[in-house]
PDB file of N, CA and C in Angstrom:
ATOM      1  N   MET A   1      43.697  10.111 -22.924  1.00  0.00           N
ATOM      2  CA  MET A   1      44.308  10.011 -24.502  1.00  0.00           C
ATOM      3  C   MET A   1      44.025   8.793 -25.127  1.00  0.00           C
ATOM      4  N   ARG A   2      44.229   9.336 -26.554  1.00  0.00           N
ATOM      5  CA  ARG A   2      43.401   8.329 -27.032  1.00  0.00           C
ATOM      6  C   ARG A   2      44.696   7.719 -28.491  1.00  0.00           C
ATOM      7  N   VAL A   3      44.691   6.546 -29.122  1.00  0.00           N
ATOM      8  CA  VAL A   3      45.689   6.157 -30.040  1.00  0.00           C
ATOM      9  C   VAL A   3      45.008   5.055 -30.834  1.00  0.00           C
ATOM     10  N   LYS A   4      45.228   5.206 -32.308  1.00  0.00           N
ATOM     11  CA  LYS A   4      44.335   3.788 -32.893  1.00  0.00           C
ATOM     12  C   LYS A   4      45.595   3.087 -33.288  1.00  0.00           C
ATOM     13  N   VAL A   5      45.004   1.722 -33.437  1.00  0.00           N
ATOM     14  CA  VAL A   5      45.428   1.165 -33.900  1.00  0.00           C
ATOM     15  C   VAL A   5      45.113   0.201 -34.832  1.00  0.00           C
ATOM     16  N   ARG A   6      45.900   0.066 -36.037  1.00  0.00           N
ATOM     17  CA  ARG A   6      45.566  -0.716 -37.329  1.00  0.00           C
ATOM     18  C   ARG A   6      46.279  -1.648 -37.172  1.00  0.00           C
ATOM     19  N   MET A   7      45.795  -2.853 -37.658  1.00  0.00           N
ATOM     20  CA  MET A   7      46.319  -4.104 -38.047  1.00  0.00           C
ATOM     21  C   MET A   7      45.998  -4.114 -39.544  1.00  0.00           C
ATOM     22  N   LEU A   8      46.790  -4.749 -40.332  1.00  0.00           N
ATOM     23  CA  LEU A   8      46.711  -5.451 -41.923  1.00  0.00           C
ATOM     24  C   LEU A   8      46.805  -6.613 -41.956  1.00  0.00           C
ATOM     25  N   GLY A   9      46.179  -7.576 -43.096  1.00  0.00           N
ATOM     26  CA  GLY A   9      46.623  -8.864 -43.500  1.00  0.00           C
ATOM     27  C   GLY A   9      46.474 -10.082 -42.551  1.00  0.00           C
ATOM     28  N   LEU A  10      46.698 -10.732 -42.045  1.00  0.00           N
ATOM     29  CA  LEU A  10      45.937 -11.497 -41.288  1.00  0.00           C
ATOM     30  C   LEU A  10      45.380 -10.882 -39.949  1.00  0.00           C
ATOM     31  N   LEU A  11      46.418 -10.322 -39.682  1.00  0.00           N
ATOM     32  CA  LEU A  11      46.141 -10.082 -38.320  1.00  0.00           C
ATOM     33  C   LEU A  11      44.780  -9.123 -38.156  1.00  0.00           C
ATOM     34  N   LYS A  12      44.163  -8.098 -39.159  1.00  0.00           N
ATOM     35  CA  LYS A  12      43.091  -7.685 -39.286  1.00  0.00           C
ATOM     36  C   LYS A  12      42.274  -9.353 -39.039  1.00  0.00           C
ATOM     37  N   LYS A  13      41.732  -9.952 -40.097  1.00  0.00           N
ATOM     38  CA  LYS A  13      41.099 -11.441 -39.727  1.00  0.00           C
ATOM     39  C   LYS A  13      41.287 -11.469 -38.606  1.00  0.00           C
ATOM     40  N   ALA A  14      42.273 -11.938 -37.977  1.00  0.00           N
ATOM     41  CA  ALA A  14      42.290 -12.849 -36.930  1.00  0.00           C
ATOM     42  C   ALA A  14      41.575 -11.175 -35.551  1.00  0.00           C
ATOM     43  N   TYR A  15      42.031 -10.270 -35.225  1.00  0.00           N
ATOM     44  CA  TYR A  15      41.495  -9.748 -34.092  1.00  0.00           C
ATOM     45  C   TYR A  15      39.839  -9.134 -34.927  1.00  0.00           C
ATOM     46  N   GLY A  16      39.170  -9.422 -36.362  1.00  0.00           N
ATOM     47  CA  GLY A  16      37.927  -9.086 -36.291  1.00  0.00           C
ATOM     48  C   GLY A  16      37.737  -7.991 -36.836  1.00  0.00           C
ATOM     49  N   LYS A  17      38.223  -6.684 -36.669  1.00  0.00           N
ATOM     50  CA  LYS A  17      38.315  -5.367 -37.857  1.00  0.00           C
ATOM     51  C   LYS A  17      39.835  -4.651 -37.711  1.00  0.00           C
ATOM     52  N   ASP A  18      39.980  -3.946 -38.896  1.00  0.00           N
ATOM     53  CA  ASP A  18      41.204  -3.745 -39.266  1.00  0.00           C
ATOM     54  C   ASP A  18      41.818  -2.532 -38.404  1.00  0.00           C
ATOM     55  N   GLU A  19      40.967  -2.050 -37.406  1.00  0.00           N
ATOM     56  CA  GLU A  19      41.300  -1.120 -36.392  1.00  0.00           C
ATOM     57  C   GLU A  19      40.710  -0.509 -35.122  1.00  0.00           C
ATOM     58  N   VAL A  20      41.050  -0.127 -33.938  1.00  0.00           N
ATOM     59  CA  VAL A  20      40.481   0.008 -33.139  1.00  0.00           C
ATOM     60  C   VAL A  20      41.115   1.375 -32.208  1.00  0.00           C
ATOM     61  N   THR A  21      40.051   1.732 -31.902  1.00  0.00           N
ATOM     62  CA  THR A  21      40.789   3.048 -31.076  1.00  0.00           C
ATOM     63  C   THR A  21      40.783   3.103 -29.506  1.00  0.00           C
ATOM     64  N   MET A  22      41.869   3.621 -28.750  1.00  0.00           N
ATOM     65  CA  MET A  22      41.976   3.140 -27.454  1.00  0.00           C
ATOM     66  C   MET A  22      42.630   4.247 -26.919  1.00  0.00           C
ATOM     67  N   GLU A  23      41.530   4.487 -25.405  1.00  0.00           N
ATOM     68  CA  GLU A  23      41.608   5.273 -24.690  1.00  0.00           C
ATOM     69  C   GLU A  23      42.634   4.714 -23.579  1.00  0.00           C
ATOM     70  N   LEU A  24      43.978   5.362 -23.093  1.00  0.00           N
ATOM     71  CA  LEU A  24      44.994   5.269 -22.750  1.00  0.00           C
ATOM     72  C   LEU A  24      45.533   6.088 -21.860  1.00  0.00           C
ATOM     73  N   ASP A  25      46.100   6.081 -20.648  1.00  0.00           N
ATOM     74  CA  ASP A  25      46.453   6.554 -19.541  1.00  0.00           C
ATOM     75  C   ASP A  25      47.844   6.867 -20.316  1.00  0.00           C
ATOM     76  N   GLU A  26      48.566   8.098 -19.833  1.00  0.00           N
ATOM     77  CA  GLU A  26      49.389   8.942 -19.981  1.00  0.00           C
ATOM     78  C   GLU A  26      50.813   8.633 -19.608  1.00  0.00           C
ATOM     79  N   GLY A  27      51.932   8.111 -20.512  1.00  0.00           N
ATOM     80  CA  GLY A  27      52.967   7.126 -19.830  1.00  0.00           C
ATOM     81  C   GLY A  27      52.553   6.044 -20.419  1.00  0.00           C
ATOM     82  N   THR A  28      51.798   5.470 -20.612  1.00  0.00           N
ATOM     83  CA  THR A  28      51.550   3.788 -21.404  1.00  0.00           C
ATOM     84  C   THR A  28      53.004   4.034 -22.540  1.00  0.00           C
ATOM     85  N   ARG A  29      53.151   2.878 -22.750  1.00  0.00           N
ATOM     86  CA  ARG A  29      54.283   1.971 -23.238  1.00  0.00           C
ATOM     87  C   ARG A  29      53.514   1.975 -24.649  1.00  0.00           C
ATOM     88  N   LEU A  30      54.324   1.554 -25.541  1.00  0.00           N
ATOM     89  CA  LEU A  30      53.665   0.212 -26.784  1.00  0.00           C
ATOM     90  C   LEU A  30      53.521  -1.203 -26.354  1.00  0.00           C
ATOM     91  N   LYS A  31      54.696  -1.008 -25.517  1.00  0.00           N
ATOM     92  CA  LYS A  31      54.247  -3.103 -24.840  1.00  0.00           C
ATOM     93  C   LYS A  31      53.057  -3.125 -24.499  1.00  0.00           C
ATOM     94  N   ASP A  32      52.394  -1.991 -23.552  1.00  0.00           N
ATOM     95  CA  ASP A  32      51.132  -1.901 -22.655  1.00  0.00           C
ATOM     96  C   ASP A  32      50.200  -2.052 -24.205  1.00  0.00           C
ATOM     97  N   VAL A  33      50.239  -1.190 -24.763  1.00  0.00           N
ATOM     98  CA  VAL A  33      49.040  -1.845 -26.035  1.00  0.00           C
ATOM     99  C   VAL A  33      48.918  -2.987 -27.311  1.00  0.00           C
ATOM    100  N   VAL A  34      49.969  -3.289 -27.285  1.00  0.00           N
ATOM    101  CA  VAL A  34      50.116  -4.915 -28.207  1.00  0.00           C
ATOM    102  C   VAL A  34      49.699  -5.780 -26.715  1.00  0.00           C
ATOM    103  N   SER A  35      50.094  -5.959 -25.040  1.00  0.00           N
ATOM    104  CA  SER A  35      49.327  -6.841 -24.519  1.00  0.00           C
ATOM    105  C   SER A  35      47.806  -6.735 -23.966  1.00  0.00           C
ATOM    106  N   LYS A  36      47.182  -5.024 -24.218  1.00  0.00           N
ATOM    107  CA  LYS A  36      45.414  -4.825 -24.155  1.00  0.00           C
ATOM    108  C   LYS A  36      45.533  -5.441 -25.479  1.00  0.00           C
ATOM    109  N   ILE A  37      45.223  -5.411 -26.479  1.00  0.00           N
ATOM    110  CA  ILE A  37      45.028  -5.615 -27.982  1.00  0.00           C
ATOM    111  C   ILE A  37      45.281  -7.175 -28.133  1.00  0.00           C
ATOM    112  N   THR A  38      46.182  -8.008 -27.527  1.00  0.00           N
ATOM    113  CA  THR A  38      45.920 -10.009 -27.660  1.00  0.00           C
ATOM    114  C   THR A  38      45.402  -9.847 -26.202  1.00  0.00           C
ATOM    115  N   GLU A  39      45.167  -9.642 -25.088  1.00  0.00           N
ATOM    116  CA  GLU A  39      44.034 -10.308 -24.141  1.00  0.00           C
ATOM    117  C   GLU A  39      42.811  -9.994 -24.817  1.00  0.00           C
ATOM    118  N   GLU A  40      42.581  -8.990 -25.523  1.00  0.00           N
ATOM    119  CA  GLU A  40      40.886  -8.930 -26.423  1.00  0.00           C
ATOM    120  C   GLU A  40      40.635  -9.995 -27.300  1.00  0.00           C
ATOM    121  N   SER A  41      41.793 -10.469 -27.402  1.00  0.00           N
ATOM    122  CA  SER A  41      41.534 -11.795 -28.603  1.00  0.00           C
ATOM    123  C   SER A  41      42.677 -12.900 -28.878  1.00  0.00           C
ATOM    124  N   LYS A  42      42.500 -14.361 -28.568  1.00  0.00           N
ATOM    125  CA  LYS A  42      43.185 -15.224 -28.825  1.00  0.00           C
ATOM    126  C   LYS A  42      43.888 -15.132 -29.739  1.00  0.00           C
ATOM    127  N   ASN A  43      43.030 -15.532 -30.849  1.00  0.00           N
ATOM    128  CA  ASN A  43      43.596 -15.521 -32.233  1.00  0.00           C
ATOM    129  C   ASN A  43      44.203 -14.221 -32.816  1.00  0.00           C
ATOM    130  N   LEU A  44      44.385 -13.108 -31.830  1.00  0.00           N
ATOM    131  CA  LEU A  44      45.477 -12.229 -32.985  1.00  0.00           C
ATOM    132  C   LEU A  44      46.928 -13.008 -31.462  1.00  0.00           C
ATOM    133  N   LYS A  45      46.109 -12.992 -30.129  1.00  0.00           N
ATOM    134  CA  LYS A  45      47.506 -13.625 -29.719  1.00  0.00           C
ATOM    135  C   LYS A  45      48.160 -14.524 -30.598  1.00  0.00           C
ATOM    136  N   ASN A  46      48.065 -15.222 -30.562  1.00  0.00           N
ATOM    137  CA  ASN A  46      48.306 -16.475 -31.484  1.00  0.00           C
ATOM    138  C   ASN A  46      48.958 -16.518 -32.765  1.00  0.00           C
ATOM    139  N   LEU A  47      48.509 -15.317 -33.464  1.00  0.00           N
ATOM    140  CA  LEU A  47      49.450 -15.083 -34.935  1.00  0.00           C
ATOM    141  C   LEU A  47      50.792 -13.789 -34.457  1.00  0.00           C
ATOM    142  N   LEU A  48      50.291 -12.822 -33.590  1.00  0.00           N
ATOM    143  CA  LEU A  48      50.880 -11.525 -33.537  1.00  0.00           C
ATOM    144  C   LEU A  48      52.597 -12.050 -32.399  1.00  0.00           C
ATOM    145  N   ILE A  49      52.334 -12.640 -31.113  1.00  0.00           N
ATOM    146  CA  ILE A  49      53.205 -12.779 -30.155  1.00  0.00           C
ATOM    147  C   ILE A  49      53.920 -14.130 -30.627  1.00  0.00           C
ATOM    148  N   ASP A  50      55.416 -14.031 -30.433  1.00  0.00           N
ATOM    149  CA  ASP A  50      55.985 -15.653 -30.496  1.00  0.00           C
ATOM    150  C   ASP A  50      55.862 -16.033 -29.915  1.00  0.00           C
ATOM    151  N   PRO A  51      55.684 -17.260 -29.525  1.00  0.00           N
ATOM    152  CA  PRO A  51      55.359 -18.472 -28.337  1.00  0.00           C
ATOM    153  C   PRO A  51      57.022 -18.379 -27.310  1.00  0.00           C
ATOM    154  N   GLU A  52      58.104 -18.071 -28.077  1.00  0.00           N
ATOM    155  CA  GLU A  52      59.671 -18.681 -27.596  1.00  0.00           C
ATOM    156  C   GLU A  52      59.392 -17.388 -26.919  1.00  0.00           C
ATOM    157  N   LEU A  53      59.474 -16.601 -27.445  1.00  0.00           N
ATOM    158  CA  LEU A  53      60.198 -14.768 -27.153  1.00  0.00           C
ATOM    159  C   LEU A  53      59.176 -14.387 -26.751  1.00  0.00           C
ATOM    160  N   LYS A  54      57.889 -14.283 -26.722  1.00  0.00           N
ATOM    161  CA  LYS A  54      57.488 -13.387 -25.774  1.00  0.00           C
ATOM    162  C   LYS A  54      56.973 -12.060 -25.983  1.00  0.00           C
ATOM    163  N   ASP A  55      57.366 -12.129 -27.688  1.00  0.00           N
ATOM    164  CA  ASP A  55      57.799 -10.796 -28.259  1.00  0.00           C
ATOM    165  C   ASP A  55      56.858 -10.485 -29.478  1.00  0.00           C
ATOM    166  N   PRO A  56      56.432  -9.457 -30.213  1.00  0.00           N
ATOM    167  CA  PRO A  56      55.615  -9.404 -31.824  1.00  0.00           C
ATOM    168  C   PRO A  56      56.476  -9.235 -32.785  1.00  0.00           C
ATOM    169  N   ARG A  57      57.662  -8.831 -32.351  1.00  0.00           N
ATOM    170  CA  ARG A  57      59.063  -8.952 -33.104  1.00  0.00           C
ATOM    171  C   ARG A  57      59.505  -8.895 -34.527  1.00  0.00           C
ATOM    172  N   PRO A  58      59.508 -10.324 -33.954  1.00  0.00           N
ATOM    173  CA  PRO A  58      59.744 -11.675 -35.054  1.00  0.00           C
ATOM    174  C   PRO A  58      58.676 -11.949 -36.135  1.00  0.00           C
ATOM    175  N   ASN A  59      57.424 -11.463 -36.001  1.00  0.00           N
ATOM    176  CA  ASN A  59      56.331 -11.717 -36.432  1.00  0.00           C
ATOM    177  C   ASN A  59      55.548 -10.126 -37.041  1.00  0.00           C
ATOM    178  N   THR A  60      55.963  -8.954 -36.602  1.00  0.00           N
ATOM    179  CA  THR A  60      55.673  -8.090 -37.244  1.00  0.00           C
ATOM    180  C   THR A  60      56.337  -6.804 -37.463  1.00  0.00           C
ATOM    181  N   ILE A  61      56.167  -6.075 -38.289  1.00  0.00           N
ATOM    182  CA  ILE A  61      56.633  -4.559 -38.227  1.00  0.00           C
ATOM    183  C   ILE A  61      55.548  -3.460 -37.489  1.00  0.00           C
ATOM    184  N   ILE A  62      56.319  -3.112 -36.430  1.00  0.00           N
ATOM    185  CA  ILE A  62      54.968  -2.276 -36.010  1.00  0.00           C
ATOM    186  C   ILE A  62      55.844  -0.731 -36.239  1.00  0.00           C
ATOM    187  N   LEU A  63      54.355   0.663 -36.798  1.00  0.00           N
ATOM    188  CA  LEU A  63      54.844   1.430 -37.160  1.00  0.00           C
ATOM    189  C   LEU A  63      54.244   2.998 -35.978  1.00  0.00           C
ATOM    190  N   ILE A  64      54.791   3.704 -35.745  1.00  0.00           N
ATOM    191  CA  ILE A  64      53.881   4.971 -34.818  1.00  0.00           C
ATOM    192  C   ILE A  64      54.521   5.961 -36.158  1.00  0.00           C
ATOM    193  N   ASN A  65      53.381   6.241 -36.263  1.00  0.00           N
ATOM    194  CA  ASN A  65      53.490   7.120 -37.149  1.00  0.00           C
ATOM    195  C   ASN A  65      54.450   6.773 -38.542  1.00  0.00           C
ATOM    196  N   GLY A  66      53.884   5.771 -38.804  1.00  0.00           N
ATOM    197  CA  GLY A  66      54.945   5.487 -40.008  1.00  0.00           C
ATOM    198  C   GLY A  66      56.301   5.331 -40.020  1.00  0.00           C
ATOM    199  N   LYS A  67      56.807   5.493 -38.576  1.00  0.00           N
ATOM    200  CA  LYS A  67      58.198   5.385 -38.485  1.00  0.00           C
ATOM    201  C   LYS A  67      58.211   3.713 -37.419  1.00  0.00           C
ATOM    202  N   GLU A  68      58.817   2.548 -37.863  1.00  0.00           N
ATOM    203  CA  GLU A  68      59.339   2.078 -37.198  1.00  0.00           C
ATOM    204  C   GLU A  68      59.983   1.884 -36.108  1.00  0.00           C
ATOM    205  N   ILE A  69      59.982   1.156 -35.397  1.00  0.00           N
ATOM    206  CA  ILE A  69      60.044   1.448 -33.628  1.00  0.00           C
ATOM    207  C   ILE A  69      60.843   0.997 -33.057  1.00  0.00           C
ATOM    208  N   SER A  70      61.836   0.488 -34.049  1.00  0.00           N
ATOM    209  CA  SER A  70      63.726   0.221 -33.592  1.00  0.00           C
ATOM    210  C   SER A  70      64.433   1.707 -33.657  1.00  0.00           C
ATOM    211  N   VAL A  71      63.767   2.722 -34.582  1.00  0.00           N
ATOM    212  CA  VAL A  71      64.315   3.696 -34.182  1.00  0.00           C
ATOM    213  C   VAL A  71      63.427   4.377 -33.192  1.00  0.00           C
ATOM    214  N   LEU A  72      62.893   4.437 -33.011  1.00  0.00           N
ATOM    215  CA  LEU A  72      61.302   5.587 -31.284  1.00  0.00           C
ATOM    216  C   LEU A  72      62.078   4.416 -30.047  1.00  0.00           C
ATOM    217  N   GLY A  73      62.524   3.628 -29.861  1.00  0.00           N
ATOM    218  CA  GLY A  73      62.773   3.067 -28.791  1.00  0.00           C
ATOM    219  C   GLY A  73      61.920   1.504 -28.741  1.00  0.00           C
ATOM    220  N   GLY A  74      61.773   1.126 -29.500  1.00  0.00           N
ATOM    221  CA  GLY A  74      61.389  -0.349 -29.280  1.00  0.00           C
ATOM    222  C   GLY A  74      59.960  -0.428 -28.791  1.00  0.00           C
ATOM    223  N   LEU A  75      59.757  -1.545 -27.911  1.00  0.00           N
ATOM    224  CA  LEU A  75      58.418  -1.597 -27.382  1.00  0.00           C
ATOM    225  C   LEU A  75      58.791  -0.597 -25.871  1.00  0.00           C
ATOM    226  N   GLU A  76      59.394   0.013 -25.553  1.00  0.00           N
ATOM    227  CA  GLU A  76      59.400   0.774 -24.468  1.00  0.00           C
ATOM    228  C   GLU A  76      59.219   2.062 -25.431  1.00  0.00           C
ATOM    229  N   VAL A  77      58.931   2.171 -26.109  1.00  0.00           N
ATOM    230  CA  VAL A  77      58.441   4.006 -26.484  1.00  0.00           C
ATOM    231  C   VAL A  77      57.274   4.098 -25.856  1.00  0.00           C
ATOM    232  N   GLU A  78      57.295   5.096 -25.205  1.00  0.00           N
ATOM    233  CA  GLU A  78      55.902   6.007 -24.548  1.00  0.00           C
ATOM    234  C   GLU A  78      54.650   6.342 -26.192  1.00  0.00           C
ATOM    235  N   VAL A  79      53.699   6.002 -25.943  1.00  0.00           N
ATOM    236  CA  VAL A  79      52.578   6.739 -26.968  1.00  0.00           C
ATOM    237  C   VAL A  79      51.960   7.790 -27.007  1.00  0.00           C
ATOM    238  N   LYS A  80      51.910   8.790 -27.671  1.00  0.00           N
ATOM    239  CA  LYS A  80      51.500  10.087 -27.215  1.00  0.00           C
ATOM    240  C   LYS A  80      49.894   9.954 -27.668  1.00  0.00           C
ATOM    241  N   ASP A  81      49.443  11.395 -27.260  1.00  0.00           N
ATOM    242  CA  ASP A  81      47.724  11.426 -27.556  1.00  0.00           C
ATOM    243  C   ASP A  81      48.052  11.689 -29.163  1.00  0.00           C
ATOM    244  N   GLY A  82      46.526  10.953 -29.821  1.00  0.00           N
ATOM    245  CA  GLY A  82      46.447  11.146 -31.224  1.00  0.00           C
ATOM    246  C   GLY A  82      47.508  10.340 -32.095  1.00  0.00           C
ATOM    247  N   ASP A  83      48.448   9.049 -31.487  1.00  0.00           N
ATOM    248  CA  ASP A  83      49.265   8.446 -32.620  1.00  0.00           C
ATOM    249  C   ASP A  83      48.399   7.238 -33.018  1.00  0.00           C
ATOM    250  N   GLU A  84      49.585   7.189 -34.286  1.00  0.00           N
ATOM    251  CA  GLU A  84      48.674   6.013 -34.930  1.00  0.00           C
ATOM    252  C   GLU A  84      49.732   4.676 -34.828  1.00  0.00           C
ATOM    253  N   ILE A  85      49.284   3.653 -34.634  1.00  0.00           N
ATOM    254  CA  ILE A  85      50.363   2.346 -34.616  1.00  0.00           C
ATOM    255  C   ILE A  85      49.703   1.676 -35.793  1.00  0.00           C
ATOM    256  N   THR A  86      50.806   0.891 -36.033  1.00  0.00           N
ATOM    257  CA  THR A  86      50.134   0.301 -37.363  1.00  0.00           C
ATOM    258  C   THR A  86      51.221  -1.405 -37.226  1.00  0.00           C
ATOM    259  N   ILE A  87      49.920  -2.164 -37.683  1.00  0.00           N
ATOM    260  CA  ILE A  87      50.983  -3.498 -37.154  1.00  0.00           C
ATOM    261  C   ILE A  87      51.092  -4.355 -38.648  1.00  0.00           C
ATOM    262  N   ILE A  88      51.978  -4.456 -38.551  1.00  0.00           N
ATOM    263  CA  ILE A  88      52.225  -5.045 -40.565  1.00  0.00           C
ATOM    264  C   ILE A  88      52.586  -6.681 -40.359  1.00  0.00           C
ATOM    265  N   PRO A  89      51.453  -7.936 -40.692  1.00  0.00           N
ATOM    266  CA  PRO A  89      52.499  -9.079 -40.283  1.00  0.00           C
ATOM    267  C   PRO A  89      53.741  -9.476 -41.419  1.00  0.00           C
ATOM    268  N   VAL A  90      55.144 -10.145 -40.849  1.00  0.00           N
ATOM    269  CA  VAL A  90      55.936 -10.444 -41.887  1.00  0.00           C
ATOM    270  C   VAL A  90      55.401 -12.316 -42.469  1.00  0.00           C
ATOM    271  N   ILE A  91      55.617 -11.850 -43.866  1.00  0.00           N
ATOM    272  CA  ILE A  91      55.220 -13.593 -44.191  1.00  0.00           C
ATOM    273  C   ILE A  91      56.586 -14.069 -44.280  1.00  0.00           C
ATOM    274  N   HIS A  92      57.295 -15.174 -43.729  1.00  0.00           N
ATOM    275  CA  HIS A  92      58.447 -16.305 -44.039  1.00  0.00           C
ATOM    276  C   HIS A  92      58.141 -17.108 -45.018  1.00  0.00           C
ATOM    277  N   GLY A  93      58.926 -16.976 -45.320  1.00  0.00           N
ATOM    278  CA  GLY A  93      58.992 -18.160 -46.518  1.00  0.00           C
ATOM    279  C   GLY A  93      60.697 -18.671 -46.779  1.00  0.00           C
ATOM    280  N   GLY A  94      60.457 -19.819 -47.837  1.00  0.00           N
ATOM    281  CA  GLY A  94      61.565 -20.135 -47.869  1.00  0.00           C
ATOM    282  C   GLY A  94      61.748 -21.552 -49.182  1.00  0.00           C
TER     283      GLY A  94
END
């Protein structure tokens, strides 16, 4: 099965490209996709994964086919053939 992962903003620069198409096994969960792309790029991992929580969600908004993952089951949601995953960095300020 194939899914497309798109990264925006600083994540695109850290990964070195704005999108990647991945070949995955049926039953792959979103957390496995995140793990796979961060294994490929240490720069992306440093920006994407919160070092204390070991989780990308404090630093990003993640969409699957335009829907935020919290309404789909979070990182445990199974991705499906043809899904488009978009990872958007959250900019904190104060």
